[in-house]
PDB file of N, CA and C in Angstrom:
ATOM      1  N   MET A   1     -66.428 129.539-134.071  1.00  0.00           N
ATOM      2  CA  MET A   1     -67.059 129.488-132.656  1.00  0.00           C
ATOM      3  C   MET A   1     -66.285 130.480-131.971  1.00  0.00           C
ATOM      4  N   ALA A   2     -65.002 131.040-132.333  1.00  0.00           N
ATOM      5  CA  ALA A   2     -64.593 132.095-131.834  1.00  0.00           C
ATOM      6  C   ALA A   2     -65.052 133.396-132.240  1.00  0.00           C
ATOM      7  N   THR A   3     -65.473 133.862-131.273  1.00  0.00           N
ATOM      8  CA  THR A   3     -65.943 135.656-131.862  1.00  0.00           C
ATOM      9  C   THR A   3     -65.424 136.928-131.058  1.00  0.00           C
ATOM     10  N   THR A   4     -65.276 137.793-131.730  1.00  0.00           N
ATOM     11  CA  THR A   4     -64.650 139.254-131.422  1.00  0.00           C
ATOM     12  C   THR A   4     -65.193 139.666-130.177  1.00  0.00           C
ATOM     13  N   THR A   5     -66.601 139.811-130.285  1.00  0.00           N
ATOM     14  CA  THR A   5     -67.225 140.308-129.173  1.00  0.00           C
ATOM     15  C   THR A   5     -67.260 139.888-127.953  1.00  0.00           C
ATOM     16  N   ARG A   6     -66.920 138.495-127.712  1.00  0.00           N
ATOM     17  CA  ARG A   6     -66.704 137.764-126.695  1.00  0.00           C
ATOM     18  C   ARG A   6     -65.646 138.705-125.507  1.00  0.00           C
ATOM     19  N   ASN A   7     -64.700 138.942-126.049  1.00  0.00           N
ATOM     20  CA  ASN A   7     -63.680 139.843-125.366  1.00  0.00           C
ATOM     21  C   ASN A   7     -63.604 140.938-125.227  1.00  0.00           C
ATOM     22  N   ARG A   8     -64.596 141.935-125.833  1.00  0.00           N
ATOM     23  CA  ARG A   8     -64.452 143.175-125.839  1.00  0.00           C
ATOM     24  C   ARG A   8     -65.468 143.638-124.639  1.00  0.00           C
ATOM     25  N   LEU A   9     -65.110 144.638-124.042  1.00  0.00           N
ATOM     26  CA  LEU A   9     -66.190 145.407-123.130  1.00  0.00           C
ATOM     27  C   LEU A   9     -66.971 146.280-123.665  1.00  0.00           C
ATOM     28  N   SER A  10     -68.043 146.343-122.911  1.00  0.00           N
ATOM     29  CA  SER A  10     -69.329 147.286-123.357  1.00  0.00           C
ATOM     30  C   SER A  10     -68.931 148.775-123.092  1.00  0.00           C
ATOM     31  N   GLN A  11     -69.661 149.691-123.590  1.00  0.00           N
ATOM     32  CA  GLN A  11     -69.504 151.070-123.159  1.00  0.00           C
ATOM     33  C   GLN A  11     -69.602 151.095-121.824  1.00  0.00           C
ATOM     34  N   ALA A  12     -70.495 150.684-121.186  1.00  0.00           N
ATOM     35  CA  ALA A  12     -70.862 150.768-119.549  1.00  0.00           C
ATOM     36  C   ALA A  12     -69.572 150.338-118.986  1.00  0.00           C
ATOM     37  N   GLN A  13     -69.134 149.172-119.382  1.00  0.00           N
ATOM     38  CA  GLN A  13     -67.984 148.597-118.399  1.00  0.00           C
ATOM     39  C   GLN A  13     -66.694 149.417-118.743  1.00  0.00           C
ATOM     40  N   LYS A  14     -66.538 149.983-119.777  1.00  0.00           N
ATOM     41  CA  LYS A  14     -65.330 150.679-120.152  1.00  0.00           C
ATOM     42  C   LYS A  14     -65.597 152.147-119.413  1.00  0.00           C
ATOM     43  N   LEU A  15     -66.802 152.691-119.280  1.00  0.00           N
ATOM     44  CA  LEU A  15     -66.971 154.007-118.609  1.00  0.00           C
ATOM     45  C   LEU A  15     -66.760 153.530-117.017  1.00  0.00           C
ATOM     46  N   ALA A  16     -67.147 152.514-116.607  1.00  0.00           N
ATOM     47  CA  ALA A  16     -66.937 152.192-115.146  1.00  0.00           C
ATOM     48  C   ALA A  16     -65.315 152.037-114.991  1.00  0.00           C
ATOM     49  N   VAL A  17     -64.309 151.647-115.743  1.00  0.00           N
ATOM     50  CA  VAL A  17     -63.060 151.472-115.486  1.00  0.00           C
ATOM     51  C   VAL A  17     -62.522 152.689-115.540  1.00  0.00           C
ATOM     52  N   ILE A  18     -62.959 153.757-116.663  1.00  0.00           N
ATOM     53  CA  ILE A  18     -62.655 154.979-116.626  1.00  0.00           C
ATOM     54  C   ILE A  18     -62.995 155.807-115.434  1.00  0.00           C
ATOM     55  N   GLU A  19     -64.058 155.505-115.062  1.00  0.00           N
ATOM     56  CA  GLU A  19     -64.469 156.271-113.700  1.00  0.00           C
ATOM     57  C   GLU A  19     -63.345 155.898-112.323  1.00  0.00           C
ATOM     58  N   ALA A  20     -63.276 154.673-112.358  1.00  0.00           N
ATOM     59  CA  ALA A  20     -62.273 154.290-111.266  1.00  0.00           C
ATOM     60  C   ALA A  20     -60.886 154.759-111.275  1.00  0.00           C
ATOM     61  N   ARG A  21     -60.441 155.033-112.550  1.00  0.00           N
ATOM     62  CA  ARG A  21     -59.296 155.353-112.787  1.00  0.00           C
ATOM     63  C   ARG A  21     -58.844 156.651-113.217  1.00  0.00           C
ATOM     64  N   LYS A  22     -59.873 157.716-113.318  1.00  0.00           N
ATOM     65  CA  LYS A  22     -59.619 158.868-113.898  1.00  0.00           C
ATOM     66  C   LYS A  22     -58.887 159.981-112.958  1.00  0.00           C
ATOM     67  N   ARG A  23     -58.030 160.611-113.448  1.00  0.00           N
ATOM     68  CA  ARG A  23     -57.353 161.584-112.350  1.00  0.00           C
ATOM     69  C   ARG A  23     -57.552 162.977-113.101  1.00  0.00           C
ATOM     70  N   SER A  24     -57.370 163.993-111.987  1.00  0.00           N
ATOM     71  CA  SER A  24     -57.506 165.487-112.397  1.00  0.00           C
ATOM     72  C   SER A  24     -56.586 165.627-113.620  1.00  0.00           C
ATOM     73  N   GLY A  25     -57.453 166.496-114.605  1.00  0.00           N
ATOM     74  CA  GLY A  25     -56.769 166.822-115.794  1.00  0.00           C
ATOM     75  C   GLY A  25     -56.978 165.925-117.138  1.00  0.00           C
ATOM     76  N   ASP A  26     -57.609 164.620-116.678  1.00  0.00           N
ATOM     77  CA  ASP A  26     -57.746 163.623-117.918  1.00  0.00           C
ATOM     78  C   ASP A  26     -58.823 164.438-118.564  1.00  0.00           C
ATOM     79  N   ILE A  27     -60.016 164.921-118.177  1.00  0.00           N
ATOM     80  CA  ILE A  27     -60.863 165.224-119.450  1.00  0.00           C
ATOM     81  C   ILE A  27     -60.233 166.381-120.353  1.00  0.00           C
ATOM     82  N   SER A  28     -59.550 167.049-119.526  1.00  0.00           N
ATOM     83  CA  SER A  28     -58.600 168.138-120.581  1.00  0.00           C
ATOM     84  C   SER A  28     -57.857 167.456-121.662  1.00  0.00           C
ATOM     85  N   LYS A  29     -57.142 166.465-121.314  1.00  0.00           N
ATOM     86  CA  LYS A  29     -56.182 165.642-122.233  1.00  0.00           C
ATOM     87  C   LYS A  29     -57.156 164.941-123.325  1.00  0.00           C
ATOM     88  N   ILE A  30     -58.380 164.317-122.923  1.00  0.00           N
ATOM     89  CA  ILE A  30     -59.090 163.577-123.871  1.00  0.00           C
ATOM     90  C   ILE A  30     -59.774 164.713-124.796  1.00  0.00           C
ATOM     91  N   ALA A  31     -60.178 165.800-124.349  1.00  0.00           N
ATOM     92  CA  ALA A  31     -60.842 166.854-125.259  1.00  0.00           C
ATOM     93  C   ALA A  31     -59.699 167.317-126.297  1.00  0.00           C
ATOM     94  N   GLY A  32     -58.314 167.453-125.738  1.00  0.00           N
ATOM     95  CA  GLY A  32     -57.337 167.913-126.629  1.00  0.00           C
ATOM     96  C   GLY A  32     -57.067 166.952-127.735  1.00  0.00           C
ATOM     97  N   LYS A  33     -57.152 165.529-127.260  1.00  0.00           N
ATOM     98  CA  LYS A  33     -56.818 164.500-128.222  1.00  0.00           C
ATOM     99  C   LYS A  33     -57.968 163.977-129.408  1.00  0.00           C
ATOM    100  N   THR A  34     -59.271 164.551-128.970  1.00  0.00           N
ATOM    101  CA  THR A  34     -60.411 164.052-129.806  1.00  0.00           C
ATOM    102  C   THR A  34     -60.824 165.257-130.630  1.00  0.00           C
ATOM    103  N   GLY A  35     -60.442 166.590-130.224  1.00  0.00           N
ATOM    104  CA  GLY A  35     -60.998 167.754-130.852  1.00  0.00           C
ATOM    105  C   GLY A  35     -62.396 167.995-130.332  1.00  0.00           C
ATOM    106  N   PHE A  36     -63.073 167.341-129.230  1.00  0.00           N
ATOM    107  CA  PHE A  36     -64.330 167.801-128.839  1.00  0.00           C
ATOM    108  C   PHE A  36     -64.160 168.774-127.603  1.00  0.00           C
ATOM    109  N   SER A  37     -65.229 169.330-127.284  1.00  0.00           N
ATOM    110  CA  SER A  37     -65.148 170.356-126.269  1.00  0.00           C
ATOM    111  C   SER A  37     -65.255 169.627-124.635  1.00  0.00           C
ATOM    112  N   ILE A  38     -64.527 170.191-123.829  1.00  0.00           N
ATOM    113  CA  ILE A  38     -64.255 169.849-122.483  1.00  0.00           C
ATOM    114  C   ILE A  38     -65.683 169.303-121.749  1.00  0.00           C
ATOM    115  N   SER A  39     -66.644 170.220-122.051  1.00  0.00           N
ATOM    116  CA  SER A  39     -68.122 169.837-121.800  1.00  0.00           C
ATOM    117  C   SER A  39     -68.534 168.663-122.127  1.00  0.00           C
ATOM    118  N   HIS A  40     -68.473 168.464-123.690  1.00  0.00           N
ATOM    119  CA  HIS A  40     -68.977 167.357-124.064  1.00  0.00           C
ATOM    120  C   HIS A  40     -68.248 166.104-123.860  1.00  0.00           C
ATOM    121  N   VAL A  41     -66.976 166.061-123.547  1.00  0.00           N
ATOM    122  CA  VAL A  41     -66.428 164.880-122.924  1.00  0.00           C
ATOM    123  C   VAL A  41     -66.810 164.728-121.709  1.00  0.00           C
ATOM    124  N   SER A  42     -66.890 165.635-120.708  1.00  0.00           N
ATOM    125  CA  SER A  42     -67.277 165.515-119.589  1.00  0.00           C
ATOM    126  C   SER A  42     -68.746 164.651-119.367  1.00  0.00           C
ATOM    127  N   ASN A  43     -69.788 165.151-120.265  1.00  0.00           N
ATOM    128  CA  ASN A  43     -70.783 164.742-120.685  1.00  0.00           C
ATOM    129  C   ASN A  43     -71.165 163.216-120.853  1.00  0.00           C
ATOM    130  N   VAL A  44     -70.164 163.150-122.067  1.00  0.00           N
ATOM    131  CA  VAL A  44     -69.979 161.662-122.464  1.00  0.00           C
ATOM    132  C   VAL A  44     -69.630 160.532-121.065  1.00  0.00           C
ATOM    133  N   LEU A  45     -68.464 160.990-120.555  1.00  0.00           N
ATOM    134  CA  LEU A  45     -67.794 160.423-119.516  1.00  0.00           C
ATOM    135  C   LEU A  45     -68.830 160.192-118.266  1.00  0.00           C
ATOM    136  N   ASN A  46     -69.712 161.033-117.981  1.00  0.00           N
ATOM    137  CA  ASN A  46     -70.694 160.883-117.043  1.00  0.00           C
ATOM    138  C   ASN A  46     -72.033 160.240-117.508  1.00  0.00           C
ATOM    139  N   GLY A  47     -71.855 159.799-118.759  1.00  0.00           N
ATOM    140  CA  GLY A  47     -72.935 158.954-119.459  1.00  0.00           C
ATOM    141  C   GLY A  47     -74.333 159.627-119.851  1.00  0.00           C
ATOM    142  N   ARG A  48     -74.123 160.826-120.156  1.00  0.00           N
ATOM    143  CA  ARG A  48     -75.536 161.785-120.616  1.00  0.00           C
ATOM    144  C   ARG A  48     -75.363 161.737-122.153  1.00  0.00           C
ATOM    145  N   HIS A  49     -74.115 161.578-122.775  1.00  0.00           N
ATOM    146  CA  HIS A  49     -74.157 161.193-124.091  1.00  0.00           C
ATOM    147  C   HIS A  49     -73.261 160.162-124.623  1.00  0.00           C
ATOM    148  N   ALA A  50     -73.563 159.664-125.977  1.00  0.00           N
ATOM    149  CA  ALA A  50     -72.788 158.370-126.232  1.00  0.00           C
ATOM    150  C   ALA A  50     -71.683 158.854-127.328  1.00  0.00           C
ATOM    151  N   ASN A  51     -70.388 158.763-126.989  1.00  0.00           N
ATOM    152  CA  ASN A  51     -69.526 158.766-128.084  1.00  0.00           C
ATOM    153  C   ASN A  51     -68.489 157.676-128.240  1.00  0.00           C
ATOM    154  N   GLU A  52     -68.390 156.864-129.105  1.00  0.00           N
ATOM    155  CA  GLU A  52     -67.494 155.775-129.013  1.00  0.00           C
ATOM    156  C   GLU A  52     -65.918 156.187-129.127  1.00  0.00           C
ATOM    157  N   GLN A  53     -65.844 157.219-129.911  1.00  0.00           N
ATOM    158  CA  GLN A  53     -64.222 158.027-129.831  1.00  0.00           C
ATOM    159  C   GLN A  53     -63.846 158.305-128.534  1.00  0.00           C
ATOM    160  N   ILE A  54     -64.658 159.358-128.060  1.00  0.00           N
ATOM    161  CA  ILE A  54     -64.271 159.591-126.751  1.00  0.00           C
ATOM    162  C   ILE A  54     -64.058 158.504-125.666  1.00  0.00           C
ATOM    163  N   VAL A  55     -64.957 157.630-125.729  1.00  0.00           N
ATOM    164  CA  VAL A  55     -64.766 156.521-124.669  1.00  0.00           C
ATOM    165  C   VAL A  55     -63.900 155.742-124.947  1.00  0.00           C
ATOM    166  N   ASN A  56     -63.152 155.284-126.145  1.00  0.00           N
ATOM    167  CA  ASN A  56     -62.161 154.686-126.464  1.00  0.00           C
ATOM    168  C   ASN A  56     -60.998 155.386-126.078  1.00  0.00           C
ATOM    169  N   THR A  57     -60.884 156.502-126.379  1.00  0.00           N
ATOM    170  CA  THR A  57     -59.585 157.320-126.246  1.00  0.00           C
ATOM    171  C   THR A  57     -59.361 157.581-124.673  1.00  0.00           C
ATOM    172  N   ALA A  58     -60.317 157.647-123.878  1.00  0.00           N
ATOM    173  CA  ALA A  58     -60.297 157.673-122.517  1.00  0.00           C
ATOM    174  C   ALA A  58     -59.681 156.463-122.095  1.00  0.00           C
ATOM    175  N   TYR A  59     -60.381 155.247-122.499  1.00  0.00           N
ATOM    176  CA  TYR A  59     -60.235 154.008-121.879  1.00  0.00           C
ATOM    177  C   TYR A  59     -58.612 153.651-122.137  1.00  0.00           C
ATOM    178  N   THR A  60     -57.920 154.113-123.384  1.00  0.00           N
ATOM    179  CA  THR A  60     -56.674 153.882-123.827  1.00  0.00           C
ATOM    180  C   THR A  60     -55.744 154.663-122.778  1.00  0.00           C
ATOM    181  N   LEU A  61     -56.385 156.011-122.388  1.00  0.00           N
ATOM    182  CA  LEU A  61     -55.407 156.900-121.432  1.00  0.00           C
ATOM    183  C   LEU A  61     -55.387 156.165-120.043  1.00  0.00           C
ATOM    184  N   VAL A  62     -56.393 155.659-119.614  1.00  0.00           N
ATOM    185  CA  VAL A  62     -56.477 155.199-118.191  1.00  0.00           C
ATOM    186  C   VAL A  62     -56.283 153.506-118.117  1.00  0.00           C
ATOM    187  N   SER A  63     -56.193 152.667-119.175  1.00  0.00           N
ATOM    188  CA  SER A  63     -56.384 151.362-119.099  1.00  0.00           C
ATOM    189  C   SER A  63     -55.026 150.682-118.357  1.00  0.00           C
ATOM    190  N   GLN A  64     -53.823 151.466-118.386  1.00  0.00           N
ATOM    191  CA  GLN A  64     -52.810 150.857-117.683  1.00  0.00           C
ATOM    192  C   GLN A  64     -52.402 151.334-116.124  1.00  0.00           C
ATOM    193  N   ARG A  65     -53.497 152.156-115.835  1.00  0.00           N
ATOM    194  CA  ARG A  65     -53.538 152.548-114.464  1.00  0.00           C
ATOM    195  C   ARG A  65     -54.005 151.436-113.236  1.00  0.00           C
ATOM    196  N   LYS A  66     -53.472 151.704-112.107  1.00  0.00           N
ATOM    197  CA  LYS A  66     -54.158 150.927-111.049  1.00  0.00           C
ATOM    198  C   LYS A  66     -55.446 151.511-110.654  1.00  0.00           C
ATOM    199  N   ALA A  67     -56.300 150.831-110.089  1.00  0.00           N
ATOM    200  CA  ALA A  67     -57.663 151.509-109.716  1.00  0.00           C
ATOM    201  C   ALA A  67     -57.488 151.957-108.290  1.00  0.00           C
TER     202      ALA A  67
END
């Protein structure tokens, strides 16, 4: 009866959390950690493209911050 998807956030929910807690310079940090370009990371975080690795890295970076 227990499922792993029940406690997981969707990509849209993660993007909302990231947007609320994002700081100046975060996009550059995420680009450096993932190896993607700054413009691609920006497009993913703004919802224009989908990339689970970028979203998960960004979520990990901002998850401990206060909104």
